[in-house]
PDB file of N, CA and C in Angstrom:
ATOM      1  N   MET A   1     -18.460 -10.320   8.056  1.00  0.00           N
ATOM      2  CA  MET A   1     -18.564  -8.973   7.583  1.00  0.00           C
ATOM      3  C   MET A   1     -17.859  -8.869   6.240  1.00  0.00           C
ATOM      4  N   LYS A   2     -18.510  -8.242   5.306  1.00  0.00           N
ATOM      5  CA  LYS A   2     -17.915  -8.035   3.988  1.00  0.00           C
ATOM      6  C   LYS A   2     -17.357  -6.617   3.936  1.00  0.00           C
ATOM      7  N   LEU A   3     -16.079  -6.523   3.582  1.00  0.00           N
ATOM      8  CA  LEU A   3     -15.434  -5.221   3.495  1.00  0.00           C
ATOM      9  C   LEU A   3     -15.699  -4.582   2.141  1.00  0.00           C
ATOM     10  N   PRO A   4     -15.843  -3.260   2.127  1.00  0.00           N
ATOM     11  CA  PRO A   4     -15.947  -2.600   0.828  1.00  0.00           C
ATOM     12  C   PRO A   4     -14.621  -2.708   0.094  1.00  0.00           C
ATOM     13  N   LYS A   5     -14.678  -2.675  -1.220  1.00  0.00           N
ATOM     14  CA  LYS A   5     -13.469  -2.801  -2.023  1.00  0.00           C
ATOM     15  C   LYS A   5     -12.588  -1.568  -1.817  1.00  0.00           C
ATOM     16  N   LEU A   6     -11.295  -1.811  -1.639  1.00  0.00           N
ATOM     17  CA  LEU A   6     -10.335  -0.724  -1.516  1.00  0.00           C
ATOM     18  C   LEU A   6     -10.004  -0.204  -2.914  1.00  0.00           C
ATOM     19  N   ALA A   7      -9.996   1.103  -3.057  1.00  0.00           N
ATOM     20  CA  ALA A   7      -9.673   1.719  -4.347  1.00  0.00           C
ATOM     21  C   ALA A   7      -8.238   1.395  -4.739  1.00  0.00           C
ATOM     22  N   THR A   8      -7.983   1.333  -6.027  1.00  0.00           N
ATOM     23  CA  THR A   8      -6.637   1.113  -6.547  1.00  0.00           C
ATOM     24  C   THR A   8      -5.963   2.463  -6.732  1.00  0.00           C
ATOM     25  N   ASN A   9      -4.803   2.615  -6.106  1.00  0.00           N
ATOM     26  CA  ASN A   9      -4.068   3.873  -6.140  1.00  0.00           C
ATOM     27  C   ASN A   9      -3.093   3.853  -7.321  1.00  0.00           C
ATOM     28  N   ASP A  10      -3.233   4.822  -8.219  1.00  0.00           N
ATOM     29  CA  ASP A  10      -2.321   4.906  -9.357  1.00  0.00           C
ATOM     30  C   ASP A  10      -1.329   6.057  -9.220  1.00  0.00           C
ATOM     31  N   GLY A  11      -1.430   6.811  -8.119  1.00  0.00           N
ATOM     32  CA  GLY A  11      -0.506   7.907  -7.874  1.00  0.00           C
ATOM     33  C   GLY A  11      -0.786   9.158  -8.682  1.00  0.00           C
ATOM     34  N   ARG A  12      -1.869   9.155  -9.428  1.00  0.00           N
ATOM     35  CA  ARG A  12      -2.211  10.313 -10.268  1.00  0.00           C
ATOM     36  C   ARG A  12      -3.536  10.907  -9.813  1.00  0.00           C
ATOM     37  N   GLY A  13      -3.891  12.007 -10.418  1.00  0.00           N
ATOM     38  CA  GLY A  13      -5.195  12.624 -10.174  1.00  0.00           C
ATOM     39  C   GLY A  13      -5.433  12.912  -8.706  1.00  0.00           C
ATOM     40  N   ILE A  14      -6.505  12.353  -8.185  1.00  0.00           N
ATOM     41  CA  ILE A  14      -6.902  12.640  -6.801  1.00  0.00           C
ATOM     42  C   ILE A  14      -5.871  12.165  -5.784  1.00  0.00           C
ATOM     43  N   TYR A  15      -5.074  11.156  -6.139  1.00  0.00           N
ATOM     44  CA  TYR A  15      -4.099  10.613  -5.190  1.00  0.00           C
ATOM     45  C   TYR A  15      -2.889  11.520  -5.004  1.00  0.00           C
ATOM     46  N   LYS A  16      -2.804  12.587  -5.783  1.00  0.00           N
ATOM     47  CA  LYS A  16      -1.721  13.554  -5.606  1.00  0.00           C
ATOM     48  C   LYS A  16      -1.989  14.495  -4.436  1.00  0.00           C
ATOM     49  N   THR A  17      -3.232  14.559  -3.981  1.00  0.00           N
ATOM     50  CA  THR A  17      -3.541  15.422  -2.850  1.00  0.00           C
ATOM     51  C   THR A  17      -3.312  14.645  -1.562  1.00  0.00           C
ATOM     52  N   ALA A  18      -2.725  15.334  -0.572  1.00  0.00           N
ATOM     53  CA  ALA A  18      -2.381  14.687   0.699  1.00  0.00           C
ATOM     54  C   ALA A  18      -3.609  14.107   1.390  1.00  0.00           C
ATOM     55  N   ALA A  19      -4.710  14.834   1.382  1.00  0.00           N
ATOM     56  CA  ALA A  19      -5.912  14.379   2.091  1.00  0.00           C
ATOM     57  C   ALA A  19      -6.452  13.079   1.499  1.00  0.00           C
ATOM     58  N   VAL A  20      -6.489  12.996   0.179  1.00  0.00           N
ATOM     59  CA  VAL A  20      -7.010  11.787  -0.476  1.00  0.00           C
ATOM     60  C   VAL A  20      -6.045  10.622  -0.264  1.00  0.00           C
ATOM     61  N   PHE A  21      -4.754  10.880  -0.423  1.00  0.00           N
ATOM     62  CA  PHE A  21      -3.767   9.825  -0.205  1.00  0.00           C
ATOM     63  C   PHE A  21      -3.854   9.313   1.225  1.00  0.00           C
ATOM     64  N   ASP A  22      -3.920  10.225   2.197  1.00  0.00           N
ATOM     65  CA  ASP A  22      -3.986   9.821   3.605  1.00  0.00           C
ATOM     66  C   ASP A  22      -5.252   9.025   3.906  1.00  0.00           C
ATOM     67  N   ALA A  23      -6.360   9.395   3.292  1.00  0.00           N
ATOM     68  CA  ALA A  23      -7.609   8.642   3.483  1.00  0.00           C
ATOM     69  C   ALA A  23      -7.468   7.237   2.893  1.00  0.00           C
ATOM     70  N   TRP A  24      -6.821   7.117   1.740  1.00  0.00           N
ATOM     71  CA  TRP A  24      -6.596   5.803   1.133  1.00  0.00           C
ATOM     72  C   TRP A  24      -5.711   4.948   2.041  1.00  0.00           C
ATOM     73  N   VAL A  25      -4.653   5.546   2.602  1.00  0.00           N
ATOM     74  CA  VAL A  25      -3.761   4.819   3.516  1.00  0.00           C
ATOM     75  C   VAL A  25      -4.534   4.365   4.749  1.00  0.00           C
ATOM     76  N   ARG A  26      -5.389   5.212   5.280  1.00  0.00           N
ATOM     77  CA  ARG A  26      -6.196   4.848   6.448  1.00  0.00           C
ATOM     78  C   ARG A  26      -7.105   3.662   6.117  1.00  0.00           C
ATOM     79  N   ASP A  27      -7.739   3.697   4.947  1.00  0.00           N
ATOM     80  CA  ASP A  27      -8.589   2.581   4.522  1.00  0.00           C
ATOM     81  C   ASP A  27      -7.764   1.299   4.349  1.00  0.00           C
ATOM     82  N   LEU A  28      -6.581   1.438   3.769  1.00  0.00           N
ATOM     83  CA  LEU A  28      -5.697   0.294   3.570  1.00  0.00           C
ATOM     84  C   LEU A  28      -5.328  -0.341   4.923  1.00  0.00           C
ATOM     85  N   ARG A  29      -4.930   0.490   5.876  1.00  0.00           N
ATOM     86  CA  ARG A  29      -4.588  -0.024   7.212  1.00  0.00           C
ATOM     87  C   ARG A  29      -5.782  -0.693   7.873  1.00  0.00           C
ATOM     88  N   ASP A  30      -6.969  -0.097   7.710  1.00  0.00           N
ATOM     89  CA  ASP A  30      -8.190  -0.695   8.282  1.00  0.00           C
ATOM     90  C   ASP A  30      -8.447  -2.078   7.689  1.00  0.00           C
ATOM     91  N   HIS A  31      -8.295  -2.216   6.388  1.00  0.00           N
ATOM     92  CA  HIS A  31      -8.487  -3.513   5.738  1.00  0.00           C
ATOM     93  C   HIS A  31      -7.504  -4.546   6.294  1.00  0.00           C
ATOM     94  N   LEU A  32      -6.248  -4.151   6.411  1.00  0.00           N
ATOM     95  CA  LEU A  32      -5.239  -5.080   6.931  1.00  0.00           C
ATOM     96  C   LEU A  32      -5.519  -5.458   8.375  1.00  0.00           C
ATOM     97  N   GLU A  33      -5.960  -4.498   9.168  1.00  0.00           N
ATOM     98  CA  GLU A  33      -6.276  -4.787  10.574  1.00  0.00           C
ATOM     99  C   GLU A  33      -7.465  -5.740  10.692  1.00  0.00           C
ATOM    100  N   LEU A  34      -8.505  -5.482   9.919  1.00  0.00           N
ATOM    101  CA  LEU A  34      -9.674  -6.359   9.973  1.00  0.00           C
ATOM    102  C   LEU A  34      -9.349  -7.771   9.483  1.00  0.00           C
ATOM    103  N   ALA A  35      -8.385  -7.865   8.580  1.00  0.00           N
ATOM    104  CA  ALA A  35      -7.949  -9.177   8.088  1.00  0.00           C
ATOM    105  C   ALA A  35      -6.929  -9.812   9.031  1.00  0.00           C
ATOM    106  N   GLU A  36      -6.606  -9.076  10.114  1.00  0.00           N
ATOM    107  CA  GLU A  36      -5.623  -9.540  11.097  1.00  0.00           C
ATOM    108  C   GLU A  36      -4.288  -9.883  10.441  1.00  0.00           C
ATOM    109  N   MET A  37      -3.879  -9.034   9.503  1.00  0.00           N
ATOM    110  CA  MET A  37      -2.636  -9.232   8.777  1.00  0.00           C
ATOM    111  C   MET A  37      -1.558  -8.326   9.378  1.00  0.00           C
ATOM    112  N   ASP A  38      -0.421  -8.883   9.685  1.00  0.00           N
ATOM    113  CA  ASP A  38       0.705  -8.145  10.242  1.00  0.00           C
ATOM    114  C   ASP A  38       1.264  -7.204   9.179  1.00  0.00           C
ATOM    115  N   LEU A  39       1.365  -5.909   9.521  1.00  0.00           N
ATOM    116  CA  LEU A  39       1.854  -4.914   8.571  1.00  0.00           C
ATOM    117  C   LEU A  39       3.291  -5.165   8.127  1.00  0.00           C
ATOM    118  N   GLU A  40       4.028  -5.945   8.884  1.00  0.00           N
ATOM    119  CA  GLU A  40       5.417  -6.230   8.542  1.00  0.00           C
ATOM    120  C   GLU A  40       5.572  -7.527   7.742  1.00  0.00           C
ATOM    121  N   SER A  41       4.489  -8.206   7.480  1.00  0.00           N
ATOM    122  CA  SER A  41       4.572  -9.491   6.793  1.00  0.00           C
ATOM    123  C   SER A  41       4.677  -9.331   5.279  1.00  0.00           C
ATOM    124  N   SER A  42       5.242 -10.337   4.653  1.00  0.00           N
ATOM    125  CA  SER A  42       5.322 -10.319   3.190  1.00  0.00           C
ATOM    126  C   SER A  42       3.923 -10.425   2.579  1.00  0.00           C
ATOM    127  N   TYR A  43       2.997 -11.094   3.277  1.00  0.00           N
ATOM    128  CA  TYR A  43       1.624 -11.193   2.783  1.00  0.00           C
ATOM    129  C   TYR A  43       0.979  -9.820   2.687  1.00  0.00           C
ATOM    130  N   ALA A  44       1.223  -8.977   3.689  1.00  0.00           N
ATOM    131  CA  ALA A  44       0.661  -7.629   3.669  1.00  0.00           C
ATOM    132  C   ALA A  44       1.233  -6.833   2.507  1.00  0.00           C
ATOM    133  N   MET A  45       2.539  -6.961   2.258  1.00  0.00           N
ATOM    134  CA  MET A  45       3.154  -6.247   1.138  1.00  0.00           C
ATOM    135  C   MET A  45       2.581  -6.718  -0.192  1.00  0.00           C
ATOM    136  N   ILE A  46       2.360  -8.006  -0.331  1.00  0.00           N
ATOM    137  CA  ILE A  46       1.758  -8.542  -1.548  1.00  0.00           C
ATOM    138  C   ILE A  46       0.353  -7.982  -1.718  1.00  0.00           C
ATOM    139  N   TRP A  47      -0.418  -7.982  -0.632  1.00  0.00           N
ATOM    140  CA  TRP A  47      -1.800  -7.494  -0.665  1.00  0.00           C
ATOM    141  C   TRP A  47      -1.833  -6.026  -1.068  1.00  0.00           C
ATOM    142  N   VAL A  48      -0.932  -5.225  -0.496  1.00  0.00           N
ATOM    143  CA  VAL A  48      -0.871  -3.803  -0.844  1.00  0.00           C
ATOM    144  C   VAL A  48      -0.610  -3.647  -2.345  1.00  0.00           C
ATOM    145  N   GLY A  49       0.305  -4.439  -2.877  1.00  0.00           N
ATOM    146  CA  GLY A  49       0.624  -4.364  -4.295  1.00  0.00           C
ATOM    147  C   GLY A  49      -0.563  -4.636  -5.202  1.00  0.00           C
ATOM    148  N   MET A  50      -1.512  -5.386  -4.722  1.00  0.00           N
ATOM    149  CA  MET A  50      -2.709  -5.680  -5.510  1.00  0.00           C
ATOM    150  C   MET A  50      -3.652  -4.484  -5.597  1.00  0.00           C
ATOM    151  N   HIS A  51      -3.355  -3.438  -4.834  1.00  0.00           N
ATOM    152  CA  HIS A  51      -4.194  -2.241  -4.822  1.00  0.00           C
ATOM    153  C   HIS A  51      -3.455  -1.026  -5.369  1.00  0.00           C
ATOM    154  N   LEU A  52      -2.457  -1.314  -6.184  1.00  0.00           N
ATOM    155  CA  LEU A  52      -1.666  -0.273  -6.833  1.00  0.00           C
ATOM    156  C   LEU A  52      -1.631  -0.536  -8.335  1.00  0.00           C
ATOM    157  N   LYS A  53      -1.378   0.524  -9.101  1.00  0.00           N
ATOM    158  CA  LYS A  53      -1.172   0.336 -10.540  1.00  0.00           C
ATOM    159  C   LYS A  53      -0.315   1.471 -11.073  1.00  0.00           C
ATOM    160  N   ASP A  54       0.188   1.264 -12.248  1.00  0.00           N
ATOM    161  CA  ASP A  54       1.016   2.241 -12.958  1.00  0.00           C
ATOM    162  C   ASP A  54       2.261   2.594 -12.131  1.00  0.00           C
ATOM    163  N   GLY A  55       2.504   3.875 -11.885  1.00  0.00           N
ATOM    164  CA  GLY A  55       3.717   4.309 -11.203  1.00  0.00           C
ATOM    165  C   GLY A  55       3.841   3.789  -9.785  1.00  0.00           C
ATOM    166  N   THR A  56       2.731   3.719  -9.067  1.00  0.00           N
ATOM    167  CA  THR A  56       2.785   3.229  -7.689  1.00  0.00           C
ATOM    168  C   THR A  56       3.109   1.733  -7.666  1.00  0.00           C
ATOM    169  N   LYS A  57       2.609   0.996  -8.631  1.00  0.00           N
ATOM    170  CA  LYS A  57       2.913  -0.432  -8.733  1.00  0.00           C
ATOM    171  C   LYS A  57       4.391  -0.639  -9.062  1.00  0.00           C
ATOM    172  N   MET A  58       4.932   0.217  -9.932  1.00  0.00           N
ATOM    173  CA  MET A  58       6.344   0.115 -10.288  1.00  0.00           C
ATOM    174  C   MET A  58       7.219   0.383  -9.049  1.00  0.00           C
ATOM    175  N   LEU A  59       6.867   1.393  -8.265  1.00  0.00           N
ATOM    176  CA  LEU A  59       7.613   1.682  -7.044  1.00  0.00           C
ATOM    177  C   LEU A  59       7.542   0.489  -6.088  1.00  0.00           C
ATOM    178  N   HIS A  60       6.373  -0.108  -5.958  1.00  0.00           N
ATOM    179  CA  HIS A  60       6.177  -1.267  -5.091  1.00  0.00           C
ATOM    180  C   HIS A  60       7.072  -2.424  -5.537  1.00  0.00           C
ATOM    181  N   THR A  61       7.101  -2.676  -6.825  1.00  0.00           N
ATOM    182  CA  THR A  61       7.924  -3.759  -7.370  1.00  0.00           C
ATOM    183  C   THR A  61       9.402  -3.498  -7.086  1.00  0.00           C
ATOM    184  N   GLN A  62       9.842  -2.271  -7.300  1.00  0.00           N
ATOM    185  CA  GLN A  62      11.239  -1.915  -7.033  1.00  0.00           C
ATOM    186  C   GLN A  62      11.567  -2.020  -5.546  1.00  0.00           C
ATOM    187  N   PHE A  63      10.649  -1.579  -4.694  1.00  0.00           N
ATOM    188  CA  PHE A  63      10.825  -1.629  -3.243  1.00  0.00           C
ATOM    189  C   PHE A  63      11.019  -3.069  -2.779  1.00  0.00           C
ATOM    190  N   ARG A  64      10.216  -3.976  -3.341  1.00  0.00           N
ATOM    191  CA  ARG A  64      10.297  -5.388  -2.938  1.00  0.00           C
ATOM    192  C   ARG A  64      11.521  -6.090  -3.517  1.00  0.00           C
ATOM    193  N   ALA A  65      12.060  -5.593  -4.609  1.00  0.00           N
ATOM    194  CA  ALA A  65      13.209  -6.231  -5.248  1.00  0.00           C
ATOM    195  C   ALA A  65      14.550  -5.691  -4.741  1.00  0.00           C
ATOM    196  N   ASN A  66      14.560  -4.476  -4.233  1.00  0.00           N
ATOM    197  CA  ASN A  66      15.790  -3.831  -3.797  1.00  0.00           C
ATOM    198  C   ASN A  66      16.339  -4.494  -2.530  1.00  0.00           C
ATOM    199  N   GLN A  67      17.618  -4.795  -2.537  1.00  0.00           N
ATOM    200  CA  GLN A  67      18.257  -5.467  -1.392  1.00  0.00           C
ATOM    201  C   GLN A  67      18.145  -4.651  -0.102  1.00  0.00           C
ATOM    202  N   ASP A  68      18.129  -3.328  -0.211  1.00  0.00           N
ATOM    203  CA  ASP A  68      18.070  -2.468   0.976  1.00  0.00           C
ATOM    204  C   ASP A  68      16.672  -2.305   1.548  1.00  0.00           C
ATOM    205  N   THR A  69      15.639  -2.574   0.745  1.00  0.00           N
ATOM    206  CA  THR A  69      14.274  -2.320   1.219  1.00  0.00           C
ATOM    207  C   THR A  69      13.370  -3.551   1.218  1.00  0.00           C
ATOM    208  N   LYS A  70      13.793  -4.629   0.587  1.00  0.00           N
ATOM    209  CA  LYS A  70      12.871  -5.762   0.425  1.00  0.00           C
ATOM    210  C   LYS A  70      12.448  -6.402   1.744  1.00  0.00           C
ATOM    211  N   HIS A  71      13.202  -6.184   2.806  1.00  0.00           N
ATOM    212  CA  HIS A  71      12.854  -6.758   4.114  1.00  0.00           C
ATOM    213  C   HIS A  71      11.936  -5.848   4.929  1.00  0.00           C
ATOM    214  N   LEU A  72      11.700  -4.628   4.438  1.00  0.00           N
ATOM    215  CA  LEU A  72      10.868  -3.671   5.161  1.00  0.00           C
ATOM    216  C   LEU A  72       9.385  -3.963   4.934  1.00  0.00           C
ATOM    217  N   GLY A  73       8.566  -3.495   5.839  1.00  0.00           N
ATOM    218  CA  GLY A  73       7.135  -3.768   5.771  1.00  0.00           C
ATOM    219  C   GLY A  73       6.323  -2.653   5.149  1.00  0.00           C
ATOM    220  N   VAL A  74       5.039  -2.766   5.334  1.00  0.00           N
ATOM    221  CA  VAL A  74       4.069  -1.856   4.730  1.00  0.00           C
ATOM    222  C   VAL A  74       4.284  -0.415   5.176  1.00  0.00           C
ATOM    223  N   GLU A  75       4.528  -0.176   6.450  1.00  0.00           N
ATOM    224  CA  GLU A  75       4.677   1.190   6.950  1.00  0.00           C
ATOM    225  C   GLU A  75       5.815   1.911   6.248  1.00  0.00           C
ATOM    226  N   GLU A  76       6.953   1.258   6.094  1.00  0.00           N
ATOM    227  CA  GLU A  76       8.085   1.882   5.413  1.00  0.00           C
ATOM    228  C   GLU A  76       7.778   2.095   3.936  1.00  0.00           C
ATOM    229  N   PHE A  77       7.065   1.157   3.326  1.00  0.00           N
ATOM    230  CA  PHE A  77       6.683   1.329   1.930  1.00  0.00           C
ATOM    231  C   PHE A  77       5.753   2.532   1.777  1.00  0.00           C
ATOM    232  N   LEU A  78       4.791   2.668   2.667  1.00  0.00           N
ATOM    233  CA  LEU A  78       3.856   3.792   2.572  1.00  0.00           C
ATOM    234  C   LEU A  78       4.568   5.131   2.736  1.00  0.00           C
ATOM    235  N   LYS A  79       5.604   5.167   3.575  1.00  0.00           N
ATOM    236  CA  LYS A  79       6.410   6.388   3.701  1.00  0.00           C
ATOM    237  C   LYS A  79       7.093   6.695   2.374  1.00  0.00           C
ATOM    238  N   ALA A  80       7.647   5.673   1.740  1.00  0.00           N
ATOM    239  CA  ALA A  80       8.315   5.855   0.441  1.00  0.00           C
ATOM    240  C   ALA A  80       7.302   6.282  -0.616  1.00  0.00           C
ATOM    241  N   LEU A  81       6.118   5.714  -0.578  1.00  0.00           N
ATOM    242  CA  LEU A  81       5.085   6.030  -1.564  1.00  0.00           C
ATOM    243  C   LEU A  81       4.612   7.466  -1.417  1.00  0.00           C
ATOM    244  N   ARG A  82       4.525   7.924  -0.192  1.00  0.00           N
ATOM    245  CA  ARG A  82       4.070   9.301   0.059  1.00  0.00           C
ATOM    246  C   ARG A  82       5.020  10.285  -0.555  1.00  0.00           C
TER     247      ARG A  82
END
């Protein structure tokens, strides 16, 4: 099965609305589930980062570099991103 491409979230425009952001998060989780990727794995965090740009990418980079958050998984990152 070929998955549709996940949109890149830049944190601006349509992604500022809760409904659009939540739909993007749902699609992101679906992609990870279909890929059988553990949401707590570093691979999942790397994959998520590939679907971010601009401000959201900067937050992702900081989240992964920070001593207090770098061990956390995708779910905690998505809470921070929201």
